[in-house]
Amino acid sequence: MHHQDIAVDVVLDIYQRILRIRRFEEAVGLLFRQGQLPGFVHLYIGEEAVAAGVCAALTDEDTIISTHRGHGHVIAKGGDIKRMMAELFGKATGYCKGKGGSMHIADFDIGMLGAIGIVGGGLPIAVGAGLSAWYSNSNRVSVCFFGDGAANEGSFHESLNLASTLALPVIFVCENNQYGEFTPAQNAMNITDIADRAAGYGIPGLVADGADAFEIYRVTAAAVERARAGAGPTLIEAKTHRRGGHAEGEEAFLAGQTYRDEAETAEAQAKDPLLLLHNYVSENKILPANQLETLDSNITQAVAEAVEAARNSPDPALESLFEDLWL
């Protein structure tokens, strides 16, 4: 892990994105355990370096598409945590006016085209965004986040094939956290690296350390440059870990059963992207310890204010039931 080729302001930008995601997700996890949030939430804790590294290499005009585990992607792209928290509470002030919840947040103004709860459902949409960018002769790049489970869906293969055939400006980012819900990836595919599948479509396939935000930033920046130059898509496989379960509260229906390998769980704890980057920034004196503490305090306070604002926000009005719908 090193930043010699990365500007200090970019290092600090990445650090703040990771820290903001972590503090938001910690608050959401606590709120869910307290029974204050409707529906299920899928936390991004442990995978923050991927979203932060990718989005730091993008512009505001570039677009992303997310998954059921999407809070980190929204925040990394510049999402408003107050509107996010209000949406998780089901309030009218939320991103989707309280109708979408955790798995459906979108903000077109920042290039966040939406979170898709259907596994593999975002891949064709990202290709559509890439096609739009190509057709309108814009310089935009489209990024699709998806998991190891989605890499076994037909939409994955169809999307990579079309994007590569038309040389579209799409970057496919597979967040391989080694489990599709409760099934180990090794039980669902006969390969070690999903990136190997890129060869079948004639595009680059790269494996990156999902705990190293600098490495993620570098490979994304190279893929962005390639896409903008008209050379087509790239498949990036980020090897990562989710610190927690597939969804918060899963213990209730697992009935005491465990499904994760103990060694993998230990590695997930050890390769904490926030801890690794915090130590790096500290040890390399990129920011003094007191400023790091102030930064953390400010972000923690902002999350607390978002929670309070969400609690005090109005519920959606009954007459809004049929608004914003295709009927």
C-alpha atoms as a PDB file:
ATOM      1  CA  MET A   1       0.000   0.000   0.000  1.00  0.00           C
ATOM      2  CA  HIS A   2       1.599   3.262  -1.120  1.00  0.00           C
ATOM      3  CA  HIS A   3       0.499   6.619  -2.532  1.00  0.00           C
ATOM      4  CA  GLN A   4       3.662   7.932  -4.230  1.00  0.00           C
ATOM      5  CA  ASP A   5       1.803   8.334  -7.543  1.00  0.00           C
ATOM      6  CA  ILE A   6      -1.417   9.619  -5.959  1.00  0.00           C
ATOM      7  CA  ALA A   7      -1.853  13.258  -4.908  1.00  0.00           C
ATOM      8  CA  VAL A   8      -2.298  13.911  -1.193  1.00  0.00           C
ATOM      9  CA  ASP A   9      -5.671  15.585  -1.722  1.00  0.00           C
ATOM     10  CA  VAL A  10      -6.900  12.424  -3.486  1.00  0.00           C
ATOM     11  CA  VAL A  11      -5.625  10.282  -0.591  1.00  0.00           C
ATOM     12  CA  LEU A  12      -7.575  12.412   1.879  1.00  0.00           C
ATOM     13  CA  ASP A  13     -10.624  12.408  -0.384  1.00  0.00           C
ATOM     14  CA  ILE A  14     -10.604   8.593  -0.467  1.00  0.00           C
ATOM     15  CA  TYR A  15     -10.102   8.442   3.308  1.00  0.00           C
ATOM     16  CA  GLN A  16     -13.108  10.700   3.938  1.00  0.00           C
ATOM     17  CA  ARG A  17     -15.321   8.664   1.609  1.00  0.00           C
ATOM     18  CA  ILE A  18     -14.405   5.461   3.468  1.00  0.00           C
ATOM     19  CA  LEU A  19     -14.894   7.048   6.880  1.00  0.00           C
ATOM     20  CA  ARG A  20     -18.269   8.525   5.899  1.00  0.00           C
ATOM     21  CA  ILE A  21     -19.486   5.140   4.657  1.00  0.00           C
ATOM     22  CA  ARG A  22     -18.304   3.367   7.822  1.00  0.00           C
ATOM     23  CA  ARG A  23     -19.933   5.761  10.267  1.00  0.00           C
ATOM     24  CA  PHE A  24     -23.178   5.765   8.280  1.00  0.00           C
ATOM     25  CA  GLU A  25     -23.324   1.968   8.128  1.00  0.00           C
ATOM     26  CA  GLU A  26     -22.489   1.582  11.817  1.00  0.00           C
ATOM     27  CA  ALA A  27     -25.409   3.864  12.666  1.00  0.00           C
ATOM     28  CA  VAL A  28     -27.742   1.974  10.302  1.00  0.00           C
ATOM     29  CA  GLY A  29     -26.751  -1.368  11.839  1.00  0.00           C
ATOM     30  CA  LEU A  30     -27.500  -0.091  15.331  1.00  0.00           C
ATOM     31  CA  LEU A  31     -30.825   1.404  14.284  1.00  0.00           C
ATOM     32  CA  PHE A  32     -31.879  -1.877  12.667  1.00  0.00           C
ATOM     33  CA  ARG A  33     -30.961  -3.889  15.775  1.00  0.00           C
ATOM     34  CA  GLN A  34     -33.032  -1.479  17.836  1.00  0.00           C
ATOM     35  CA  GLY A  35     -36.016  -2.131  15.574  1.00  0.00           C
ATOM     36  CA  GLN A  36     -36.186   1.448  14.308  1.00  0.00           C
ATOM     37  CA  LEU A  37     -35.874   0.719  10.569  1.00  0.00           C
ATOM     38  CA  PRO A  38     -38.426  -1.034   8.346  1.00  0.00           C
ATOM     39  CA  GLY A  39     -37.282  -3.768   5.988  1.00  0.00           C
ATOM     40  CA  PHE A  40     -33.854  -5.394   5.768  1.00  0.00           C
ATOM     41  CA  VAL A  41     -30.502  -3.658   5.378  1.00  0.00           C
ATOM     42  CA  HIS A  42     -27.346  -5.068   3.777  1.00  0.00           C
ATOM     43  CA  LEU A  43     -24.301  -3.287   5.166  1.00  0.00           C
ATOM     44  CA  TYR A  44     -21.175  -2.380   3.211  1.00  0.00           C
ATOM     45  CA  ILE A  45     -18.796  -2.541   6.186  1.00  0.00           C
ATOM     46  CA  GLY A  46     -15.499  -4.098   5.097  1.00  0.00           C
ATOM     47  CA  GLU A  47     -15.928  -3.249   1.405  1.00  0.00           C
ATOM     48  CA  GLU A  48     -15.617   0.544   1.642  1.00  0.00           C
ATOM     49  CA  ALA A  49     -12.278   0.799  -0.153  1.00  0.00           C
ATOM     50  CA  VAL A  50     -13.843  -0.461  -3.386  1.00  0.00           C
ATOM     51  CA  ALA A  51     -16.551   2.200  -3.712  1.00  0.00           C
ATOM     52  CA  ALA A  52     -14.242   4.948  -2.457  1.00  0.00           C
ATOM     53  CA  GLY A  53     -11.358   4.036  -4.759  1.00  0.00           C
ATOM     54  CA  VAL A  54     -13.607   3.649  -7.799  1.00  0.00           C
ATOM     55  CA  CYS A  55     -15.636   6.825  -7.293  1.00  0.00           C
ATOM     56  CA  ALA A  56     -12.546   8.941  -6.569  1.00  0.00           C
ATOM     57  CA  ALA A  57     -11.445   8.141 -10.130  1.00  0.00           C
ATOM     58  CA  LEU A  58     -14.740   9.362 -11.625  1.00  0.00           C
ATOM     59  CA  THR A  59     -16.229  12.772 -12.399  1.00  0.00           C
ATOM     60  CA  ASP A  60     -19.659  14.004 -11.345  1.00  0.00           C
ATOM     61  CA  GLU A  61     -20.878  13.364 -14.904  1.00  0.00           C
ATOM     62  CA  ASP A  62     -19.845   9.701 -14.875  1.00  0.00           C
ATOM     63  CA  THR A  63     -22.566   7.281 -13.830  1.00  0.00           C
ATOM     64  CA  ILE A  64     -22.723   4.299 -11.496  1.00  0.00           C
ATOM     65  CA  ILE A  65     -25.260   1.544 -10.917  1.00  0.00           C
ATOM     66  CA  SER A  66     -25.484  -0.234  -7.577  1.00  0.00           C
ATOM     67  CA  THR A  67     -26.777  -3.356  -5.841  1.00  0.00           C
ATOM     68  CA  HIS A  68     -28.813  -4.435  -2.811  1.00  0.00           C
ATOM     69  CA  ARG A  69     -25.646  -3.603  -0.770  1.00  0.00           C
ATOM     70  CA  GLY A  70     -25.628  -0.077  -2.075  1.00  0.00           C
ATOM     71  CA  HIS A  71     -25.295   2.509   0.706  1.00  0.00           C
ATOM     72  CA  GLY A  72     -21.520   2.716   0.233  1.00  0.00           C
ATOM     73  CA  HIS A  73     -21.829   3.348  -3.491  1.00  0.00           C
ATOM     74  CA  VAL A  74     -24.279   6.232  -2.981  1.00  0.00           C
ATOM     75  CA  ILE A  75     -22.089   7.878  -0.335  1.00  0.00           C
ATOM     76  CA  ALA A  76     -18.873   7.372  -2.331  1.00  0.00           C
ATOM     77  CA  LYS A  77     -20.520   9.069  -5.345  1.00  0.00           C
ATOM     78  CA  GLY A  78     -21.406  12.079  -3.209  1.00  0.00           C
ATOM     79  CA  GLY A  79     -24.880  11.202  -1.952  1.00  0.00           C
ATOM     80  CA  ASP A  80     -26.650  13.228   0.738  1.00  0.00           C
ATOM     81  CA  ILE A  81     -26.636  11.193   3.955  1.00  0.00           C
ATOM     82  CA  LYS A  82     -29.676  13.069   5.299  1.00  0.00           C
ATOM     83  CA  ARG A  83     -31.792  12.077   2.309  1.00  0.00           C
ATOM     84  CA  MET A  84     -30.389   8.545   2.511  1.00  0.00           C
ATOM     85  CA  MET A  85     -31.186   8.146   6.190  1.00  0.00           C
ATOM     86  CA  ALA A  86     -34.676   9.558   5.683  1.00  0.00           C
ATOM     87  CA  GLU A  87     -35.260   6.993   2.943  1.00  0.00           C
ATOM     88  CA  LEU A  88     -34.165   4.161   5.238  1.00  0.00           C
ATOM     89  CA  PHE A  89     -36.696   5.426   7.792  1.00  0.00           C
ATOM     90  CA  GLY A  90     -39.387   5.469   5.063  1.00  0.00           C
ATOM     91  CA  LYS A  91     -39.893   9.230   5.310  1.00  0.00           C
ATOM     92  CA  ALA A  92     -41.192  11.694   2.723  1.00  0.00           C
ATOM     93  CA  THR A  93     -37.889  13.609   2.776  1.00  0.00           C
ATOM     94  CA  GLY A  94     -35.970  10.554   1.585  1.00  0.00           C
ATOM     95  CA  TYR A  95     -34.411  10.105  -1.833  1.00  0.00           C
ATOM     96  CA  CYS A  96     -37.424   8.109  -3.059  1.00  0.00           C
ATOM     97  CA  LYS A  97     -39.921   9.914  -0.806  1.00  0.00           C
ATOM     98  CA  GLY A  98     -39.928   6.950   1.563  1.00  0.00           C
ATOM     99  CA  LYS A  99     -41.122   4.440  -1.036  1.00  0.00           C
ATOM    100  CA  GLY A 100     -37.845   2.772  -2.049  1.00  0.00           C
ATOM    101  CA  GLY A 101     -35.991   2.032   1.154  1.00  0.00           C
ATOM    102  CA  SER A 102     -32.499   0.643   1.525  1.00  0.00           C
ATOM    103  CA  MET A 103     -32.175  -1.195  -1.787  1.00  0.00           C
ATOM    104  CA  HIS A 104     -33.511   1.412  -4.221  1.00  0.00           C
ATOM    105  CA  ILE A 105     -31.752   4.720  -3.616  1.00  0.00           C
ATOM    106  CA  ALA A 106     -31.011   6.803  -6.714  1.00  0.00           C
ATOM    107  CA  ASP A 107     -29.751  10.331  -7.389  1.00  0.00           C
ATOM    108  CA  PHE A 108     -29.457  11.223 -11.074  1.00  0.00           C
ATOM    109  CA  ASP A 109     -27.930  14.623 -10.193  1.00  0.00           C
ATOM    110  CA  ILE A 110     -24.720  12.936  -9.015  1.00  0.00           C
ATOM    111  CA  GLY A 111     -24.723  10.173 -11.612  1.00  0.00           C
ATOM    112  CA  MET A 112     -26.094   7.536  -9.248  1.00  0.00           C
ATOM    113  CA  LEU A 113     -28.563   5.755 -11.526  1.00  0.00           C
ATOM    114  CA  GLY A 114     -29.960   3.542  -8.793  1.00  0.00           C
ATOM    115  CA  ALA A 115     -29.556   0.490  -6.635  1.00  0.00           C
ATOM    116  CA  ILE A 116     -31.077  -2.680  -8.053  1.00  0.00           C
ATOM    117  CA  GLY A 117     -32.204  -5.321  -5.579  1.00  0.00           C
ATOM    118  CA  ILE A 118     -32.321  -8.043  -8.257  1.00  0.00           C
ATOM    119  CA  VAL A 119     -29.012  -9.906  -8.460  1.00  0.00           C
ATOM    120  CA  GLY A 120     -27.379  -9.045 -11.796  1.00  0.00           C
ATOM    121  CA  GLY A 121     -30.145  -6.586 -12.640  1.00  0.00           C
ATOM    122  CA  GLY A 122     -27.871  -3.554 -12.811  1.00  0.00           C
ATOM    123  CA  LEU A 123     -25.487  -4.892 -15.448  1.00  0.00           C
ATOM    124  CA  PRO A 124     -27.701  -4.267 -18.520  1.00  0.00           C
ATOM    125  CA  ILE A 125     -28.613  -0.813 -17.182  1.00  0.00           C
ATOM    126  CA  ALA A 126     -24.928   0.134 -16.948  1.00  0.00           C
ATOM    127  CA  VAL A 127     -24.476  -1.032 -20.542  1.00  0.00           C
ATOM    128  CA  GLY A 128     -27.467   1.126 -21.512  1.00  0.00           C
ATOM    129  CA  ALA A 129     -25.802   4.117 -19.845  1.00  0.00           C
ATOM    130  CA  GLY A 130     -22.609   3.335 -21.745  1.00  0.00           C
ATOM    131  CA  LEU A 131     -24.549   3.088 -25.002  1.00  0.00           C
ATOM    132  CA  SER A 132     -26.179   6.443 -24.263  1.00  0.00           C
ATOM    133  CA  ALA A 133     -22.772   8.030 -23.602  1.00  0.00           C
ATOM    134  CA  TRP A 134     -21.432   6.617 -26.881  1.00  0.00           C
ATOM    135  CA  TYR A 135     -24.504   7.574 -28.902  1.00  0.00           C
ATOM    136  CA  SER A 136     -24.547  11.150 -27.600  1.00  0.00           C
ATOM    137  CA  ASN A 137     -20.785  11.445 -28.173  1.00  0.00           C
ATOM    138  CA  SER A 138     -20.250  12.428 -24.537  1.00  0.00           C
ATOM    139  CA  ASN A 139     -17.140  11.689 -22.520  1.00  0.00           C
ATOM    140  CA  ARG A 140     -19.051   9.901 -19.753  1.00  0.00           C
ATOM    141  CA  VAL A 141     -18.062   6.549 -18.347  1.00  0.00           C
ATOM    142  CA  SER A 142     -20.542   4.073 -16.843  1.00  0.00           C
ATOM    143  CA  VAL A 143     -19.548   1.919 -13.850  1.00  0.00           C
ATOM    144  CA  CYS A 144     -21.453  -1.144 -12.707  1.00  0.00           C
ATOM    145  CA  PHE A 145     -20.938  -2.576  -9.211  1.00  0.00           C
ATOM    146  CA  PHE A 146     -22.042  -6.183  -8.743  1.00  0.00           C
ATOM    147  CA  GLY A 147     -21.159  -9.202  -6.622  1.00  0.00           C
ATOM    148  CA  ASP A 148     -19.693 -12.642  -7.205  1.00  0.00           C
ATOM    149  CA  GLY A 149     -23.201 -14.111  -7.290  1.00  0.00           C
ATOM    150  CA  ALA A 150     -24.230 -11.805 -10.133  1.00  0.00           C
ATOM    151  CA  ALA A 151     -21.232 -13.011 -12.157  1.00  0.00           C
ATOM    152  CA  ASN A 152     -23.101 -16.310 -12.578  1.00  0.00           C
ATOM    153  CA  GLU A 153     -26.233 -14.682 -13.966  1.00  0.00           C
ATOM    154  CA  GLY A 154     -26.991 -14.597 -17.670  1.00  0.00           C
ATOM    155  CA  SER A 155     -27.178 -10.794 -17.556  1.00  0.00           C
ATOM    156  CA  PHE A 156     -23.449 -10.694 -16.703  1.00  0.00           C
ATOM    157  CA  HIS A 157     -22.427 -12.556 -19.843  1.00  0.00           C
ATOM    158  CA  GLU A 158     -24.873 -10.736 -22.101  1.00  0.00           C
ATOM    159  CA  SER A 159     -23.766  -7.354 -20.770  1.00  0.00           C
ATOM    160  CA  LEU A 160     -20.047  -8.014 -21.132  1.00  0.00           C
ATOM    161  CA  ASN A 161     -20.590  -9.369 -24.632  1.00  0.00           C
ATOM    162  CA  LEU A 162     -22.572  -6.360 -25.856  1.00  0.00           C
ATOM    163  CA  ALA A 163     -20.299  -3.798 -24.170  1.00  0.00           C
ATOM    164  CA  SER A 164     -17.172  -5.394 -25.630  1.00  0.00           C
ATOM    165  CA  THR A 165     -18.671  -5.856 -29.104  1.00  0.00           C
ATOM    166  CA  LEU A 166     -19.623  -2.160 -29.293  1.00  0.00           C
ATOM    167  CA  ALA A 167     -16.509  -0.982 -27.368  1.00  0.00           C
ATOM    168  CA  LEU A 168     -18.733   0.893 -24.909  1.00  0.00           C
ATOM    169  CA  PRO A 169     -17.302   3.038 -22.068  1.00  0.00           C
ATOM    170  CA  VAL A 170     -18.390   0.669 -19.292  1.00  0.00           C
ATOM    171  CA  ILE A 171     -16.344  -0.500 -16.308  1.00  0.00           C
ATOM    172  CA  PHE A 172     -17.584  -3.674 -14.663  1.00  0.00           C
ATOM    173  CA  VAL A 173     -16.563  -3.795 -10.975  1.00  0.00           C
ATOM    174  CA  CYS A 174     -17.155  -7.183  -9.369  1.00  0.00           C
ATOM    175  CA  GLU A 175     -17.049  -6.951  -5.578  1.00  0.00           C
ATOM    176  CA  ASN A 176     -16.160 -10.544  -4.797  1.00  0.00           C
ATOM    177  CA  ASN A 177     -16.865 -10.862  -1.079  1.00  0.00           C
ATOM    178  CA  GLN A 178     -16.735 -14.649  -1.467  1.00  0.00           C
ATOM    179  CA  TYR A 179     -20.351 -15.355  -0.536  1.00  0.00           C
ATOM    180  CA  GLY A 180     -23.618 -15.190  -2.440  1.00  0.00           C
ATOM    181  CA  GLU A 181     -25.954 -14.801   0.514  1.00  0.00           C
ATOM    182  CA  PHE A 182     -24.920 -17.922   2.472  1.00  0.00           C
ATOM    183  CA  THR A 183     -23.248 -19.907  -0.326  1.00  0.00           C
ATOM    184  CA  PRO A 184     -19.445 -19.784  -0.696  1.00  0.00           C
ATOM    185  CA  ALA A 185     -18.437 -18.623  -4.178  1.00  0.00           C
ATOM    186  CA  GLN A 186     -16.203 -21.686  -4.532  1.00  0.00           C
ATOM    187  CA  ASN A 187     -19.352 -23.853  -4.407  1.00  0.00           C
ATOM    188  CA  ALA A 188     -21.024 -21.892  -7.187  1.00  0.00           C
ATOM    189  CA  MET A 189     -18.266 -21.587  -9.802  1.00  0.00           C
ATOM    190  CA  ASN A 190     -15.338 -23.665 -11.001  1.00  0.00           C
ATOM    191  CA  ILE A 191     -12.847 -20.802 -11.239  1.00  0.00           C
ATOM    192  CA  THR A 192     -10.864 -18.844  -8.673  1.00  0.00           C
ATOM    193  CA  ASP A 193     -10.819 -15.480 -10.436  1.00  0.00           C
ATOM    194  CA  ILE A 194     -13.956 -14.046 -12.021  1.00  0.00           C
ATOM    195  CA  ALA A 195     -11.634 -11.670 -13.887  1.00  0.00           C
ATOM    196  CA  ASP A 196     -10.570 -14.645 -16.053  1.00  0.00           C
ATOM    197  CA  ARG A 197     -13.961 -14.504 -17.751  1.00  0.00           C
ATOM    198  CA  ALA A 198     -12.995 -11.219 -19.436  1.00  0.00           C
ATOM    199  CA  ALA A 199     -10.842 -13.160 -21.903  1.00  0.00           C
ATOM    200  CA  GLY A 200     -13.964 -14.686 -23.432  1.00  0.00           C
ATOM    201  CA  TYR A 201     -15.094 -11.201 -24.427  1.00  0.00           C
ATOM    202  CA  GLY A 202     -11.746  -9.845 -25.568  1.00  0.00           C
ATOM    203  CA  ILE A 203     -11.444  -7.236 -22.819  1.00  0.00           C
ATOM    204  CA  PRO A 204      -8.969  -6.736 -19.944  1.00  0.00           C
ATOM    205  CA  GLY A 205      -9.740  -8.609 -16.709  1.00  0.00           C
ATOM    206  CA  LEU A 206      -7.910  -7.440 -13.590  1.00  0.00           C
ATOM    207  CA  VAL A 207      -7.803  -8.698 -10.004  1.00  0.00           C
ATOM    208  CA  ALA A 208      -7.340  -6.047  -7.316  1.00  0.00           C
ATOM    209  CA  ASP A 209      -7.048  -6.068  -3.534  1.00  0.00           C
ATOM    210  CA  GLY A 210     -10.395  -4.770  -2.317  1.00  0.00           C
ATOM    211  CA  ALA A 211      -8.890  -3.659   0.994  1.00  0.00           C
ATOM    212  CA  ASP A 212      -6.327  -1.398  -0.721  1.00  0.00           C
ATOM    213  CA  ALA A 213      -8.129   1.778  -1.805  1.00  0.00           C
ATOM    214  CA  PHE A 214      -5.037   3.029  -3.645  1.00  0.00           C
ATOM    215  CA  GLU A 215      -4.857  -0.084  -5.800  1.00  0.00           C
ATOM    216  CA  ILE A 216      -8.577   0.161  -6.575  1.00  0.00           C
ATOM    217  CA  TYR A 217      -8.135   3.829  -7.515  1.00  0.00           C
ATOM    218  CA  ARG A 218      -5.211   3.042  -9.834  1.00  0.00           C
ATOM    219  CA  VAL A 219      -6.878   0.206 -11.746  1.00  0.00           C
ATOM    220  CA  THR A 220     -10.096   2.227 -12.058  1.00  0.00           C
ATOM    221  CA  ALA A 221      -8.250   5.316 -13.310  1.00  0.00           C
ATOM    222  CA  ALA A 222      -6.575   3.174 -15.994  1.00  0.00           C
ATOM    223  CA  ALA A 223      -9.924   1.631 -16.974  1.00  0.00           C
ATOM    224  CA  VAL A 224     -11.514   5.096 -17.135  1.00  0.00           C
ATOM    225  CA  GLU A 225      -8.723   6.350 -19.399  1.00  0.00           C
ATOM    226  CA  ARG A 226      -9.192   3.323 -21.657  1.00  0.00           C
ATOM    227  CA  ALA A 227     -12.969   3.820 -21.788  1.00  0.00           C
ATOM    228  CA  ARG A 228     -12.743   7.552 -22.552  1.00  0.00           C
ATOM    229  CA  ALA A 229     -10.276   6.817 -25.342  1.00  0.00           C
ATOM    230  CA  GLY A 230     -12.872   4.611 -27.022  1.00  0.00           C
ATOM    231  CA  ALA A 231     -11.023   1.364 -26.338  1.00  0.00           C
ATOM    232  CA  GLY A 232     -13.963  -0.270 -24.582  1.00  0.00           C
ATOM    233  CA  PRO A 233     -14.800  -1.888 -21.271  1.00  0.00           C
ATOM    234  CA  THR A 234     -12.750  -3.423 -18.468  1.00  0.00           C
ATOM    235  CA  LEU A 235     -13.667  -6.072 -15.885  1.00  0.00           C
ATOM    236  CA  ILE A 236     -12.196  -5.376 -12.443  1.00  0.00           C
ATOM    237  CA  GLU A 237     -12.549  -8.016  -9.756  1.00  0.00           C
ATOM    238  CA  ALA A 238     -12.028  -6.606  -6.279  1.00  0.00           C
ATOM    239  CA  LYS A 239     -11.297  -9.356  -3.773  1.00  0.00           C
ATOM    240  CA  THR A 240     -13.021  -8.149  -0.645  1.00  0.00           C
ATOM    241  CA  HIS A 241     -14.789  -9.205   2.557  1.00  0.00           C
ATOM    242  CA  ARG A 242     -17.984  -8.170   4.230  1.00  0.00           C
ATOM    243  CA  ARG A 243     -17.349  -7.845   7.933  1.00  0.00           C
ATOM    244  CA  GLY A 244     -20.886  -8.816   8.880  1.00  0.00           C
ATOM    245  CA  GLY A 245     -23.545 -11.090   7.491  1.00  0.00           C
ATOM    246  CA  HIS A 246     -25.419 -11.008   4.229  1.00  0.00           C
ATOM    247  CA  ALA A 247     -28.140  -8.955   5.917  1.00  0.00           C
ATOM    248  CA  GLU A 248     -28.515  -7.537   9.389  1.00  0.00           C
ATOM    249  CA  GLY A 249     -30.548  -9.811  11.644  1.00  0.00           C
ATOM    250  CA  GLU A 250     -29.825 -12.945   9.602  1.00  0.00           C
ATOM    251  CA  GLU A 251     -29.113 -14.855  12.815  1.00  0.00           C
ATOM    252  CA  ALA A 252     -32.850 -14.995  13.432  1.00  0.00           C
ATOM    253  CA  PHE A 253     -33.428 -17.337  10.509  1.00  0.00           C
ATOM    254  CA  LEU A 254     -30.092 -19.176  10.507  1.00  0.00           C
ATOM    255  CA  ALA A 255     -31.115 -20.832  13.792  1.00  0.00           C
ATOM    256  CA  GLY A 256     -27.576 -20.949  15.149  1.00  0.00           C
ATOM    257  CA  GLN A 257     -26.025 -22.385  12.005  1.00  0.00           C
ATOM    258  CA  THR A 258     -22.794 -20.908  10.654  1.00  0.00           C
ATOM    259  CA  TYR A 259     -21.851 -20.761   6.998  1.00  0.00           C
ATOM    260  CA  ARG A 260     -18.621 -18.742   6.934  1.00  0.00           C
ATOM    261  CA  ASP A 261     -15.140 -20.207   7.050  1.00  0.00           C
ATOM    262  CA  GLU A 262     -13.338 -19.175  10.251  1.00  0.00           C
ATOM    263  CA  ALA A 263     -10.120 -18.295   8.400  1.00  0.00           C
ATOM    264  CA  GLU A 264     -12.032 -16.057   5.989  1.00  0.00           C
ATOM    265  CA  THR A 265     -13.812 -14.341   8.878  1.00  0.00           C
ATOM    266  CA  ALA A 266     -10.465 -13.692  10.584  1.00  0.00           C
ATOM    267  CA  GLU A 267      -9.045 -12.252   7.366  1.00  0.00           C
ATOM    268  CA  ALA A 268     -12.093 -10.025   6.998  1.00  0.00           C
ATOM    269  CA  GLN A 269     -11.411  -8.582  10.446  1.00  0.00           C
ATOM    270  CA  ALA A 270      -7.676  -8.162   9.772  1.00  0.00           C
ATOM    271  CA  LYS A 271      -8.101  -6.529   6.353  1.00  0.00           C
ATOM    272  CA  ASP A 272     -10.299  -3.698   7.562  1.00  0.00           C
ATOM    273  CA  PRO A 273      -9.945  -1.014   4.860  1.00  0.00           C
ATOM    274  CA  LEU A 274     -10.652   1.866   7.237  1.00  0.00           C
ATOM    275  CA  LEU A 275      -8.108   0.664   9.806  1.00  0.00           C
ATOM    276  CA  LEU A 276      -5.483   0.018   7.121  1.00  0.00           C
ATOM    277  CA  LEU A 277      -5.906   3.472   5.592  1.00  0.00           C
ATOM    278  CA  HIS A 278      -6.154   5.237   8.962  1.00  0.00           C
ATOM    279  CA  ASN A 279      -2.858   3.665  10.032  1.00  0.00           C
ATOM    280  CA  TYR A 280      -1.252   4.554   6.696  1.00  0.00           C
ATOM    281  CA  VAL A 281      -2.368   8.204   6.823  1.00  0.00           C
ATOM    282  CA  SER A 282      -1.207   8.424  10.444  1.00  0.00           C
ATOM    283  CA  GLU A 283       2.156   6.704  10.037  1.00  0.00           C
ATOM    284  CA  ASN A 284       3.009   8.705   6.915  1.00  0.00           C
ATOM    285  CA  LYS A 285       1.977  11.941   8.637  1.00  0.00           C
ATOM    286  CA  ILE A 286      -0.378  12.845   5.808  1.00  0.00           C
ATOM    287  CA  LEU A 287      -2.695  14.371   8.389  1.00  0.00           C
ATOM    288  CA  PRO A 288      -1.966  15.019  12.087  1.00  0.00           C
ATOM    289  CA  ALA A 289      -3.733  12.781  14.602  1.00  0.00           C
ATOM    290  CA  ASN A 290      -5.802  15.637  16.025  1.00  0.00           C
ATOM    291  CA  GLN A 291      -7.110  16.529  12.548  1.00  0.00           C
ATOM    292  CA  LEU A 292      -8.001  12.887  11.924  1.00  0.00           C
ATOM    293  CA  GLU A 293      -9.960  12.879  15.190  1.00  0.00           C
ATOM    294  CA  THR A 294     -11.716  16.119  14.241  1.00  0.00           C
ATOM    295  CA  LEU A 295     -12.619  14.708  10.830  1.00  0.00           C
ATOM    296  CA  ASP A 296     -14.070  11.582  12.437  1.00  0.00           C
ATOM    297  CA  SER A 297     -15.966  13.645  14.986  1.00  0.00           C
ATOM    298  CA  ASN A 298     -17.474  15.882  12.287  1.00  0.00           C
ATOM    299  CA  ILE A 299     -18.605  12.919  10.181  1.00  0.00           C
ATOM    300  CA  THR A 300     -20.015  11.103  13.224  1.00  0.00           C
ATOM    301  CA  GLN A 301     -21.923  14.253  14.169  1.00  0.00           C
ATOM    302  CA  ALA A 302     -23.269  14.639  10.634  1.00  0.00           C
ATOM    303  CA  VAL A 303     -24.578  11.059  10.721  1.00  0.00           C
ATOM    304  CA  ALA A 304     -26.208  11.664  14.107  1.00  0.00           C
ATOM    305  CA  GLU A 305     -27.885  14.782  12.711  1.00  0.00           C
ATOM    306  CA  ALA A 306     -29.111  12.764   9.717  1.00  0.00           C
ATOM    307  CA  VAL A 307     -30.698  10.234  12.081  1.00  0.00           C
ATOM    308  CA  GLU A 308     -32.385  12.978  14.110  1.00  0.00           C
ATOM    309  CA  ALA A 309     -33.630  14.726  10.976  1.00  0.00           C
ATOM    310  CA  ALA A 310     -35.038  11.433   9.673  1.00  0.00           C
ATOM    311  CA  ARG A 311     -36.862  10.761  12.936  1.00  0.00           C
ATOM    312  CA  ASN A 312     -38.434  14.221  12.792  1.00  0.00           C
ATOM    313  CA  SER A 313     -39.409  14.020   9.121  1.00  0.00           C
ATOM    314  CA  PRO A 314     -43.005  13.407   8.027  1.00  0.00           C
ATOM    315  CA  ASP A 315     -44.251  10.063   6.776  1.00  0.00           C
ATOM    316  CA  PRO A 316     -45.404   9.957   3.137  1.00  0.00           C
ATOM    317  CA  ALA A 317     -48.949  11.291   2.776  1.00  0.00           C
ATOM    318  CA  LEU A 318     -51.591   8.726   1.892  1.00  0.00           C
ATOM    319  CA  GLU A 319     -52.494  10.647  -1.268  1.00  0.00           C
ATOM    320  CA  SER A 320     -48.884  10.237  -2.507  1.00  0.00           C
ATOM    321  CA  LEU A 321     -49.426   6.479  -2.862  1.00  0.00           C
ATOM    322  CA  PHE A 322     -49.931   6.647  -6.634  1.00  0.00           C
ATOM    323  CA  GLU A 323     -47.435   9.432  -7.364  1.00  0.00           C
ATOM    324  CA  ASP A 324     -44.198   8.775  -9.277  1.00  0.00           C
ATOM    325  CA  LEU A 325     -45.540   5.496 -10.649  1.00  0.00           C
ATOM    326  CA  TRP A 326     -46.129   4.100 -14.111  1.00  0.00           C
ATOM    327  CA  LEU A 327     -49.724   2.906 -14.091  1.00  0.00           C
END
